[in-house]
Amino acid sequence: METANPIFRHQISADVIALDKQGRVILVADVRGSRVVKLTLSQFTSYLKATQTVVPFAMLVDPETIQIVQWDGVNWSEAICSLKTTDVVKPYIRDFDSYKRDYQHQQITGGYLEILLLAWLDDLAFHWKLETPPASKELAAIGLLERLDEGSTKREVEISGDTILRDELSHEYLYWA
């Protein structure tokens, strides 16, 4: 019996992705301090050029700053939007004042920061918590807010082109013959 070896085309691992309402990847995010292998913009560039995929935005997140850059098909822009991480995620932390008091010397990092980022992106898409989520005005100004409308998010994913190979809920891989 012959066994097939999987063929992996160019792929990327991302901490968080956002998809528009048609299911196209519109944003890849790298959350520094998470357990997923980190990617730099140069690695994102190699991936996008190799797959001839257009992912218009990248988000670089650390405990202090969220920076958003845009892909024009050839190069990444300088940061087109820079936000304070705490200002963006604090509405999604239950009893933020208690959290701040108990963890005053610790920053929000890793998986917890990823979860808070997902909550914010989902709120931007569906307004499940706030009528006007944090940074709505800034994201509208760069054209990202309308693309997030009624979209979805995924955490800890591997993608190839517009195909999601793996996400946090599925450790199954798609194979190509």
N, C-alpha and C. Protein backbone atom coordinates (compact mmCIF):
# COMPACT_ATOMS: atom_id res chain seq x y z
N MET A 1 0.84 -1.17 0.00
CA MET A 1 0.00 0.00 0.00
C MET A 1 0.90 1.24 0.00
N GLU A 2 0.61 2.15 -0.89
CA GLU A 2 1.40 3.35 -1.03
C GLU A 2 0.85 4.45 -0.12
N THR A 3 1.75 5.12 0.59
CA THR A 3 1.30 6.23 1.44
C THR A 3 1.73 7.54 0.80
N ALA A 4 0.86 8.49 0.87
CA ALA A 4 1.15 9.80 0.29
C ALA A 4 1.82 10.69 1.33
N ASN A 5 2.85 11.36 0.91
CA ASN A 5 3.48 12.36 1.77
C ASN A 5 2.80 13.69 1.54
N PRO A 6 2.54 14.42 2.60
CA PRO A 6 1.90 15.72 2.41
C PRO A 6 2.84 16.70 1.72
N ILE A 7 2.27 17.53 0.88
CA ILE A 7 3.04 18.59 0.23
C ILE A 7 2.56 19.90 0.84
N PHE A 8 3.46 20.60 1.50
CA PHE A 8 3.09 21.86 2.10
C PHE A 8 3.57 22.99 1.20
N ARG A 9 2.64 23.74 0.69
CA ARG A 9 3.00 24.91 -0.08
C ARG A 9 3.41 25.99 0.91
N HIS A 10 3.83 27.13 0.39
CA HIS A 10 4.21 28.24 1.26
C HIS A 10 3.09 28.50 2.24
N GLN A 11 3.44 28.59 3.50
CA GLN A 11 2.43 28.82 4.52
C GLN A 11 2.97 29.75 5.58
N ILE A 12 2.06 30.25 6.37
CA ILE A 12 2.43 31.19 7.42
C ILE A 12 1.69 30.81 8.69
N SER A 13 2.35 30.96 9.81
CA SER A 13 1.71 30.79 11.11
C SER A 13 1.44 32.18 11.65
N ALA A 14 0.22 32.39 12.12
CA ALA A 14 -0.14 33.69 12.67
C ALA A 14 -0.86 33.48 13.99
N ASP A 15 -0.62 34.39 14.92
CA ASP A 15 -1.30 34.30 16.21
C ASP A 15 -2.79 34.54 16.05
N VAL A 16 -3.14 35.52 15.23
CA VAL A 16 -4.54 35.89 15.00
C VAL A 16 -4.70 36.29 13.55
N ILE A 17 -5.81 35.91 12.95
CA ILE A 17 -6.17 36.44 11.63
C ILE A 17 -7.61 36.95 11.70
N ALA A 18 -7.91 37.90 10.84
CA ALA A 18 -9.28 38.38 10.67
C ALA A 18 -9.68 38.10 9.23
N LEU A 19 -10.91 37.65 9.08
CA LEU A 19 -11.46 37.37 7.76
C LEU A 19 -12.63 38.30 7.51
N ASP A 20 -12.84 38.68 6.24
CA ASP A 20 -14.00 39.49 5.93
C ASP A 20 -15.23 38.59 5.85
N LYS A 21 -16.40 39.16 5.56
CA LYS A 21 -17.62 38.35 5.57
C LYS A 21 -17.65 37.31 4.46
N GLN A 22 -16.78 37.43 3.44
CA GLN A 22 -16.66 36.40 2.41
C GLN A 22 -15.62 35.32 2.76
N GLY A 23 -14.99 35.46 3.93
CA GLY A 23 -14.02 34.47 4.38
C GLY A 23 -12.61 34.69 3.88
N ARG A 24 -12.33 35.84 3.31
CA ARG A 24 -10.97 36.16 2.84
C ARG A 24 -10.15 36.72 3.99
N VAL A 25 -8.89 36.33 4.07
CA VAL A 25 -8.00 36.83 5.11
C VAL A 25 -7.68 38.29 4.80
N ILE A 26 -7.98 39.17 5.75
CA ILE A 26 -7.73 40.59 5.54
C ILE A 26 -6.68 41.15 6.51
N LEU A 27 -6.34 40.37 7.54
CA LEU A 27 -5.38 40.84 8.52
C LEU A 27 -4.68 39.65 9.15
N VAL A 28 -3.37 39.75 9.28
CA VAL A 28 -2.60 38.78 10.06
C VAL A 28 -1.98 39.53 11.22
N ALA A 29 -1.98 38.91 12.39
CA ALA A 29 -1.45 39.58 13.57
C ALA A 29 -0.39 38.73 14.25
N ASP A 30 0.64 39.40 14.70
CA ASP A 30 1.71 38.78 15.45
C ASP A 30 1.65 39.38 16.85
N VAL A 31 1.37 38.53 17.84
CA VAL A 31 1.27 38.98 19.23
C VAL A 31 2.56 38.58 19.92
N ARG A 32 3.41 39.55 20.14
CA ARG A 32 4.72 39.27 20.75
C ARG A 32 4.55 38.80 22.17
N GLY A 33 5.30 37.75 22.51
CA GLY A 33 5.21 37.18 23.84
C GLY A 33 4.32 35.96 23.87
N SER A 34 3.72 35.61 22.73
CA SER A 34 2.88 34.42 22.71
C SER A 34 3.75 33.19 22.47
N ARG A 35 3.14 32.02 22.55
CA ARG A 35 3.93 30.80 22.41
C ARG A 35 4.12 30.36 20.96
N VAL A 36 3.48 31.06 20.03
CA VAL A 36 3.62 30.74 18.61
C VAL A 36 4.93 31.34 18.11
N VAL A 37 5.60 30.65 17.18
CA VAL A 37 6.84 31.15 16.60
C VAL A 37 6.57 32.52 15.98
N LYS A 38 7.44 33.47 16.25
CA LYS A 38 7.25 34.84 15.79
C LYS A 38 7.64 35.01 14.33
N LEU A 39 6.91 35.87 13.66
CA LEU A 39 7.18 36.19 12.27
C LEU A 39 7.48 37.68 12.15
N THR A 40 8.37 38.01 11.29
CA THR A 40 8.67 39.40 11.05
C THR A 40 7.98 39.85 9.78
N LEU A 41 7.97 41.14 9.54
CA LEU A 41 7.36 41.63 8.30
C LEU A 41 8.08 41.07 7.08
N SER A 42 9.38 40.83 7.18
CA SER A 42 10.08 40.26 6.03
C SER A 42 9.60 38.84 5.75
N GLN A 43 9.26 38.09 6.78
CA GLN A 43 8.71 36.75 6.57
C GLN A 43 7.30 36.84 6.00
N PHE A 44 6.50 37.78 6.48
CA PHE A 44 5.18 38.00 5.89
C PHE A 44 5.34 38.34 4.41
N THR A 45 6.31 39.18 4.09
CA THR A 45 6.56 39.59 2.71
C THR A 45 6.88 38.39 1.83
N SER A 46 7.80 37.55 2.29
CA SER A 46 8.18 36.36 1.52
C SER A 46 6.97 35.48 1.26
N TYR A 47 6.16 35.29 2.27
CA TYR A 47 4.96 34.48 2.14
C TYR A 47 3.99 35.07 1.12
N LEU A 48 3.70 36.36 1.25
CA LEU A 48 2.72 36.99 0.37
C LEU A 48 3.20 36.98 -1.08
N LYS A 49 4.48 37.22 -1.29
CA LYS A 49 5.00 37.18 -2.66
C LYS A 49 4.97 35.76 -3.23
N ALA A 50 5.33 34.78 -2.42
CA ALA A 50 5.36 33.39 -2.88
C ALA A 50 3.96 32.86 -3.20
N THR A 51 2.99 33.24 -2.41
CA THR A 51 1.63 32.72 -2.62
C THR A 51 0.80 33.63 -3.51
N GLN A 52 1.35 34.79 -3.86
CA GLN A 52 0.62 35.78 -4.65
C GLN A 52 -0.74 36.06 -4.03
N THR A 53 -0.72 36.17 -2.71
CA THR A 53 -1.93 36.44 -1.94
C THR A 53 -1.89 37.88 -1.45
N VAL A 54 -3.05 38.50 -1.44
CA VAL A 54 -3.13 39.85 -0.92
C VAL A 54 -3.80 39.79 0.45
N VAL A 55 -3.02 40.03 1.48
CA VAL A 55 -3.54 40.22 2.84
C VAL A 55 -3.24 41.68 3.14
N PRO A 56 -4.27 42.53 3.09
CA PRO A 56 -4.00 43.97 3.09
C PRO A 56 -3.41 44.56 4.37
N PHE A 57 -3.61 43.92 5.52
CA PHE A 57 -3.14 44.52 6.76
C PHE A 57 -2.39 43.50 7.62
N ALA A 58 -1.43 44.02 8.37
CA ALA A 58 -0.76 43.24 9.40
C ALA A 58 -0.81 44.06 10.67
N MET A 59 -0.94 43.35 11.79
CA MET A 59 -1.00 43.99 13.09
C MET A 59 0.12 43.40 13.94
N LEU A 60 0.96 44.28 14.47
CA LEU A 60 2.05 43.87 15.34
C LEU A 60 1.68 44.33 16.74
N VAL A 61 1.48 43.37 17.63
CA VAL A 61 0.93 43.67 18.96
C VAL A 61 1.94 43.29 20.03
N ASP A 62 2.18 44.21 20.95
CA ASP A 62 2.95 43.88 22.14
C ASP A 62 2.18 44.47 23.33
N PRO A 63 2.62 44.23 24.54
CA PRO A 63 1.86 44.69 25.70
C PRO A 63 1.65 46.21 25.77
N GLU A 64 2.43 46.96 25.03
CA GLU A 64 2.30 48.42 25.08
C GLU A 64 1.64 49.03 23.85
N THR A 65 1.91 48.46 22.67
CA THR A 65 1.49 49.11 21.43
C THR A 65 0.91 48.12 20.43
N ILE A 66 -0.10 48.57 19.71
CA ILE A 66 -0.64 47.85 18.56
C ILE A 66 -0.31 48.72 17.35
N GLN A 67 0.47 48.17 16.43
CA GLN A 67 0.81 48.90 15.21
C GLN A 67 0.20 48.16 14.03
N ILE A 68 -0.42 48.93 13.15
CA ILE A 68 -1.03 48.35 11.96
C ILE A 68 -0.28 48.89 10.75
N VAL A 69 0.10 47.97 9.86
CA VAL A 69 0.77 48.33 8.61
C VAL A 69 -0.06 47.79 7.47
N GLN A 70 0.18 48.34 6.28
CA GLN A 70 -0.62 47.94 5.12
C GLN A 70 0.30 47.40 4.03
N TRP A 71 -0.19 46.38 3.32
CA TRP A 71 0.53 45.74 2.22
C TRP A 71 -0.01 46.26 0.91
N ASP A 72 0.87 46.71 0.03
CA ASP A 72 0.42 47.23 -1.27
C ASP A 72 0.65 46.24 -2.40
N GLY A 73 1.04 45.04 -2.06
CA GLY A 73 1.34 44.03 -3.08
C GLY A 73 2.82 43.90 -3.33
N VAL A 74 3.59 44.87 -2.88
CA VAL A 74 5.04 44.86 -3.06
C VAL A 74 5.76 45.09 -1.73
N ASN A 75 5.29 46.07 -0.97
CA ASN A 75 5.95 46.45 0.27
C ASN A 75 4.94 46.72 1.38
N TRP A 76 5.43 46.69 2.61
CA TRP A 76 4.65 47.11 3.76
C TRP A 76 4.85 48.59 3.96
N SER A 77 3.79 49.26 4.38
CA SER A 77 3.90 50.68 4.72
C SER A 77 4.56 50.82 6.08
N GLU A 78 4.89 52.03 6.43
CA GLU A 78 5.24 52.33 7.82
C GLU A 78 3.94 52.16 8.59
N ALA A 79 3.99 52.22 9.90
CA ALA A 79 2.77 52.07 10.69
C ALA A 79 1.76 53.15 10.27
N ILE A 80 0.57 52.70 9.85
CA ILE A 80 -0.48 53.65 9.45
C ILE A 80 -1.43 53.93 10.61
N CYS A 81 -1.29 53.14 11.67
CA CYS A 81 -2.11 53.32 12.86
C CYS A 81 -1.34 52.74 14.04
N SER A 82 -1.25 53.51 15.11
CA SER A 82 -0.57 53.05 16.31
C SER A 82 -1.49 53.33 17.50
N LEU A 83 -1.75 52.30 18.28
CA LEU A 83 -2.70 52.38 19.39
C LEU A 83 -2.05 51.88 20.67
N LYS A 84 -2.51 52.37 21.81
CA LYS A 84 -2.05 51.85 23.09
C LYS A 84 -2.82 50.57 23.38
N THR A 85 -2.11 49.49 23.61
CA THR A 85 -2.73 48.18 23.81
C THR A 85 -3.74 48.20 24.94
N THR A 86 -3.38 48.76 26.08
CA THR A 86 -4.28 48.76 27.23
C THR A 86 -5.57 49.51 26.92
N ASP A 87 -5.48 50.64 26.21
CA ASP A 87 -6.69 51.40 25.87
C ASP A 87 -7.64 50.58 25.01
N VAL A 88 -7.08 49.74 24.15
CA VAL A 88 -7.90 48.93 23.24
C VAL A 88 -8.54 47.75 23.97
N VAL A 89 -7.80 47.07 24.83
CA VAL A 89 -8.31 45.81 25.41
C VAL A 89 -8.99 45.95 26.77
N LYS A 90 -8.82 47.07 27.45
CA LYS A 90 -9.37 47.16 28.80
C LYS A 90 -10.88 46.99 28.89
N PRO A 91 -11.69 47.37 27.89
CA PRO A 91 -13.13 47.12 28.01
C PRO A 91 -13.49 45.62 28.03
N TYR A 92 -12.54 44.77 27.63
CA TYR A 92 -12.80 43.34 27.54
C TYR A 92 -12.23 42.57 28.73
N ILE A 93 -11.67 43.29 29.69
CA ILE A 93 -11.18 42.69 30.92
C ILE A 93 -12.24 42.92 31.99
N ARG A 94 -12.78 41.83 32.50
CA ARG A 94 -13.78 41.96 33.55
C ARG A 94 -13.15 42.64 34.75
N ASP A 95 -13.81 43.66 35.26
CA ASP A 95 -13.36 44.41 36.43
C ASP A 95 -11.91 44.87 36.26
N PHE A 96 -11.72 45.70 35.26
CA PHE A 96 -10.38 46.19 34.92
C PHE A 96 -9.68 46.85 36.11
N ASP A 97 -10.42 47.61 36.93
CA ASP A 97 -9.79 48.27 38.08
C ASP A 97 -9.20 47.27 39.05
N SER A 98 -9.91 46.16 39.30
CA SER A 98 -9.38 45.09 40.16
C SER A 98 -8.16 44.45 39.53
N TYR A 99 -8.26 44.19 38.23
CA TYR A 99 -7.15 43.58 37.51
C TYR A 99 -5.91 44.47 37.61
N LYS A 100 -6.12 45.76 37.38
CA LYS A 100 -5.01 46.71 37.42
C LYS A 100 -4.39 46.75 38.83
N ARG A 101 -5.22 46.71 39.84
CA ARG A 101 -4.73 46.74 41.22
C ARG A 101 -3.94 45.46 41.54
N ASP A 102 -4.49 44.31 41.19
CA ASP A 102 -3.87 43.03 41.53
C ASP A 102 -2.62 42.72 40.70
N TYR A 103 -2.59 43.24 39.49
CA TYR A 103 -1.47 42.92 38.59
C TYR A 103 -0.77 44.19 38.11
N GLN A 104 -0.66 45.18 38.99
CA GLN A 104 -0.16 46.49 38.61
C GLN A 104 1.23 46.48 37.99
N HIS A 105 2.06 45.51 38.34
CA HIS A 105 3.42 45.48 37.81
C HIS A 105 3.58 44.47 36.67
N GLN A 106 2.48 43.88 36.25
CA GLN A 106 2.55 42.90 35.17
C GLN A 106 1.85 43.45 33.94
N GLN A 107 2.37 43.10 32.79
CA GLN A 107 1.75 43.50 31.54
C GLN A 107 0.87 42.37 31.03
N ILE A 108 -0.09 42.74 30.21
CA ILE A 108 -0.95 41.74 29.56
C ILE A 108 -0.15 41.14 28.42
N THR A 109 0.05 39.83 28.45
CA THR A 109 0.90 39.19 27.44
C THR A 109 0.31 37.87 26.98
N GLY A 110 0.99 37.27 26.02
CA GLY A 110 0.74 35.90 25.58
C GLY A 110 -0.68 35.60 25.16
N GLY A 111 -1.12 34.41 25.56
CA GLY A 111 -2.44 33.93 25.19
C GLY A 111 -3.56 34.82 25.67
N TYR A 112 -3.40 35.43 26.84
CA TYR A 112 -4.44 36.32 27.36
C TYR A 112 -4.58 37.55 26.46
N LEU A 113 -3.46 38.09 26.01
CA LEU A 113 -3.49 39.23 25.10
C LEU A 113 -4.14 38.82 23.77
N GLU A 114 -3.85 37.63 23.29
CA GLU A 114 -4.48 37.14 22.06
C GLU A 114 -6.00 37.08 22.21
N ILE A 115 -6.48 36.55 23.33
CA ILE A 115 -7.92 36.43 23.58
C ILE A 115 -8.57 37.81 23.62
N LEU A 116 -7.93 38.76 24.30
CA LEU A 116 -8.47 40.12 24.38
C LEU A 116 -8.49 40.77 23.00
N LEU A 117 -7.46 40.53 22.20
CA LEU A 117 -7.42 41.06 20.84
C LEU A 117 -8.56 40.48 20.01
N LEU A 118 -8.81 39.17 20.14
CA LEU A 118 -9.93 38.55 19.42
C LEU A 118 -11.26 39.17 19.84
N ALA A 119 -11.44 39.39 21.15
CA ALA A 119 -12.68 39.99 21.65
C ALA A 119 -12.88 41.37 21.02
N TRP A 120 -11.82 42.16 20.96
CA TRP A 120 -11.90 43.49 20.37
C TRP A 120 -12.25 43.42 18.88
N LEU A 121 -11.54 42.57 18.12
CA LEU A 121 -11.81 42.44 16.69
C LEU A 121 -13.24 41.95 16.44
N ASP A 122 -13.70 41.00 17.25
CA ASP A 122 -15.08 40.51 17.11
C ASP A 122 -16.09 41.59 17.46
N ASP A 123 -15.77 42.43 18.42
CA ASP A 123 -16.65 43.54 18.78
C ASP A 123 -16.70 44.56 17.63
N LEU A 124 -15.58 44.79 16.98
CA LEU A 124 -15.57 45.68 15.82
C LEU A 124 -16.45 45.13 14.70
N ALA A 125 -16.48 43.81 14.57
CA ALA A 125 -17.27 43.17 13.50
C ALA A 125 -18.76 43.11 13.82
N PHE A 126 -19.11 42.90 15.10
CA PHE A 126 -20.51 42.64 15.45
C PHE A 126 -21.07 43.52 16.56
N HIS A 127 -20.26 44.37 17.17
CA HIS A 127 -20.71 45.25 18.26
C HIS A 127 -21.43 44.46 19.34
N TRP A 128 -20.86 43.35 19.74
CA TRP A 128 -21.47 42.50 20.76
C TRP A 128 -21.35 43.09 22.16
N LYS A 129 -20.37 43.96 22.38
CA LYS A 129 -20.18 44.55 23.71
C LYS A 129 -20.42 46.05 23.71
N LEU A 130 -19.82 46.75 22.78
CA LEU A 130 -19.91 48.20 22.75
C LEU A 130 -20.47 48.68 21.41
N GLU A 131 -21.25 49.73 21.46
CA GLU A 131 -21.76 50.33 20.22
C GLU A 131 -20.61 50.86 19.37
N THR A 132 -19.65 51.48 20.04
CA THR A 132 -18.46 51.98 19.35
C THR A 132 -17.22 51.43 20.06
N PRO A 133 -16.70 50.29 19.59
CA PRO A 133 -15.51 49.69 20.21
C PRO A 133 -14.30 50.63 20.13
N PRO A 134 -13.31 50.43 20.99
CA PRO A 134 -12.12 51.27 20.97
C PRO A 134 -11.47 51.31 19.59
N ALA A 135 -10.98 52.47 19.23
CA ALA A 135 -10.23 52.72 17.99
C ALA A 135 -11.07 52.56 16.72
N SER A 136 -12.37 52.55 16.84
CA SER A 136 -13.24 52.44 15.65
C SER A 136 -12.94 53.55 14.65
N LYS A 137 -12.80 54.76 15.15
CA LYS A 137 -12.54 55.91 14.28
C LYS A 137 -11.21 55.75 13.53
N GLU A 138 -10.18 55.33 14.25
CA GLU A 138 -8.86 55.16 13.63
C GLU A 138 -8.87 54.05 12.58
N LEU A 139 -9.56 52.95 12.86
CA LEU A 139 -9.62 51.84 11.90
C LEU A 139 -10.48 52.21 10.69
N ALA A 140 -11.51 53.01 10.90
CA ALA A 140 -12.32 53.49 9.77
C ALA A 140 -11.47 54.37 8.86
N ALA A 141 -10.62 55.20 9.45
CA ALA A 141 -9.79 56.12 8.67
C ALA A 141 -8.81 55.38 7.75
N ILE A 142 -8.38 54.18 8.14
CA ILE A 142 -7.42 53.44 7.30
C ILE A 142 -8.10 52.39 6.42
N GLY A 143 -9.43 52.28 6.51
CA GLY A 143 -10.16 51.34 5.67
C GLY A 143 -10.27 49.93 6.22
N LEU A 144 -9.86 49.72 7.45
CA LEU A 144 -9.93 48.37 8.03
C LEU A 144 -11.28 48.08 8.67
N LEU A 145 -11.91 49.07 9.27
CA LEU A 145 -13.16 48.84 9.99
C LEU A 145 -14.24 48.26 9.09
N GLU A 146 -14.43 48.82 7.91
CA GLU A 146 -15.48 48.31 7.01
C GLU A 146 -15.18 46.88 6.54
N ARG A 147 -13.92 46.53 6.44
CA ARG A 147 -13.56 45.16 6.03
C ARG A 147 -13.82 44.15 7.15
N LEU A 148 -13.72 44.61 8.40
CA LEU A 148 -13.98 43.73 9.54
C LEU A 148 -15.48 43.47 9.74
N ASP A 149 -16.33 44.37 9.24
CA ASP A 149 -17.77 44.29 9.45
C ASP A 149 -18.32 42.91 9.07
N GLU A 150 -18.94 42.25 10.03
CA GLU A 150 -19.56 40.93 9.89
C GLU A 150 -18.55 39.84 9.52
N GLY A 151 -17.28 40.09 9.78
CA GLY A 151 -16.25 39.09 9.50
C GLY A 151 -16.05 38.18 10.70
N SER A 152 -14.95 37.47 10.70
CA SER A 152 -14.66 36.55 11.80
C SER A 152 -13.17 36.59 12.11
N THR A 153 -12.82 35.92 13.19
CA THR A 153 -11.42 35.86 13.60
C THR A 153 -11.06 34.42 13.91
N LYS A 154 -9.79 34.13 13.84
CA LYS A 154 -9.27 32.82 14.24
C LYS A 154 -7.95 33.05 14.94
N ARG A 155 -7.64 32.13 15.82
CA ARG A 155 -6.44 32.23 16.65
C ARG A 155 -5.51 31.06 16.37
N GLU A 156 -4.22 31.34 16.40
CA GLU A 156 -3.18 30.32 16.22
C GLU A 156 -3.46 29.48 14.98
N VAL A 157 -3.27 30.12 13.83
CA VAL A 157 -3.59 29.48 12.56
C VAL A 157 -2.36 29.32 11.68
N GLU A 158 -2.49 28.41 10.75
CA GLU A 158 -1.54 28.30 9.66
C GLU A 158 -2.35 28.42 8.39
N ILE A 159 -1.91 29.31 7.50
CA ILE A 159 -2.63 29.52 6.26
C ILE A 159 -1.69 29.36 5.08
N SER A 160 -2.26 29.00 3.96
CA SER A 160 -1.55 28.94 2.69
C SER A 160 -2.46 29.60 1.67
N GLY A 161 -2.04 30.73 1.17
CA GLY A 161 -2.94 31.50 0.32
C GLY A 161 -4.14 31.90 1.16
N ASP A 162 -5.33 31.63 0.67
CA ASP A 162 -6.55 31.92 1.43
C ASP A 162 -7.08 30.67 2.13
N THR A 163 -6.28 29.61 2.17
CA THR A 163 -6.72 28.36 2.79
C THR A 163 -6.18 28.26 4.21
N ILE A 164 -7.07 28.03 5.16
CA ILE A 164 -6.66 27.83 6.54
C ILE A 164 -6.30 26.35 6.70
N LEU A 165 -5.05 26.09 7.01
CA LEU A 165 -4.59 24.72 7.16
C LEU A 165 -4.88 24.17 8.55
N ARG A 166 -4.73 25.04 9.53
CA ARG A 166 -4.93 24.62 10.92
C ARG A 166 -5.31 25.84 11.72
N ASP A 167 -6.21 25.65 12.69
CA ASP A 167 -6.47 26.71 13.65
C ASP A 167 -6.52 26.08 15.04
N GLU A 168 -6.74 26.90 16.06
CA GLU A 168 -6.67 26.40 17.43
C GLU A 168 -7.67 25.30 17.72
N LEU A 169 -8.75 25.22 16.96
CA LEU A 169 -9.78 24.22 17.22
C LEU A 169 -9.56 22.93 16.44
N SER A 170 -8.69 23.01 15.45
CA SER A 170 -8.48 21.84 14.61
C SER A 170 -6.99 21.63 14.39
N HIS A 171 -6.51 20.49 14.76
CA HIS A 171 -5.11 20.19 14.52
C HIS A 171 -4.95 19.30 13.31
N GLU A 172 -6.00 19.26 12.49
CA GLU A 172 -5.95 18.52 11.24
C GLU A 172 -5.30 19.40 10.17
N TYR A 173 -4.58 18.81 9.28
CA TYR A 173 -3.97 19.55 8.18
C TYR A 173 -4.63 19.12 6.88
N LEU A 174 -4.71 20.06 5.94
CA LEU A 174 -5.16 19.74 4.60
C LEU A 174 -3.92 19.33 3.82
N TYR A 175 -4.04 18.32 2.98
CA TYR A 175 -2.93 17.86 2.19
C TYR A 175 -3.26 18.03 0.71
N TRP A 176 -2.25 18.35 -0.06
CA TRP A 176 -2.43 18.44 -1.50
C TRP A 176 -1.70 17.26 -2.13
N ALA A 177 -2.32 16.72 -3.16
CA ALA A 177 -1.68 15.59 -3.87
C ALA A 177 -0.74 16.10 -4.91
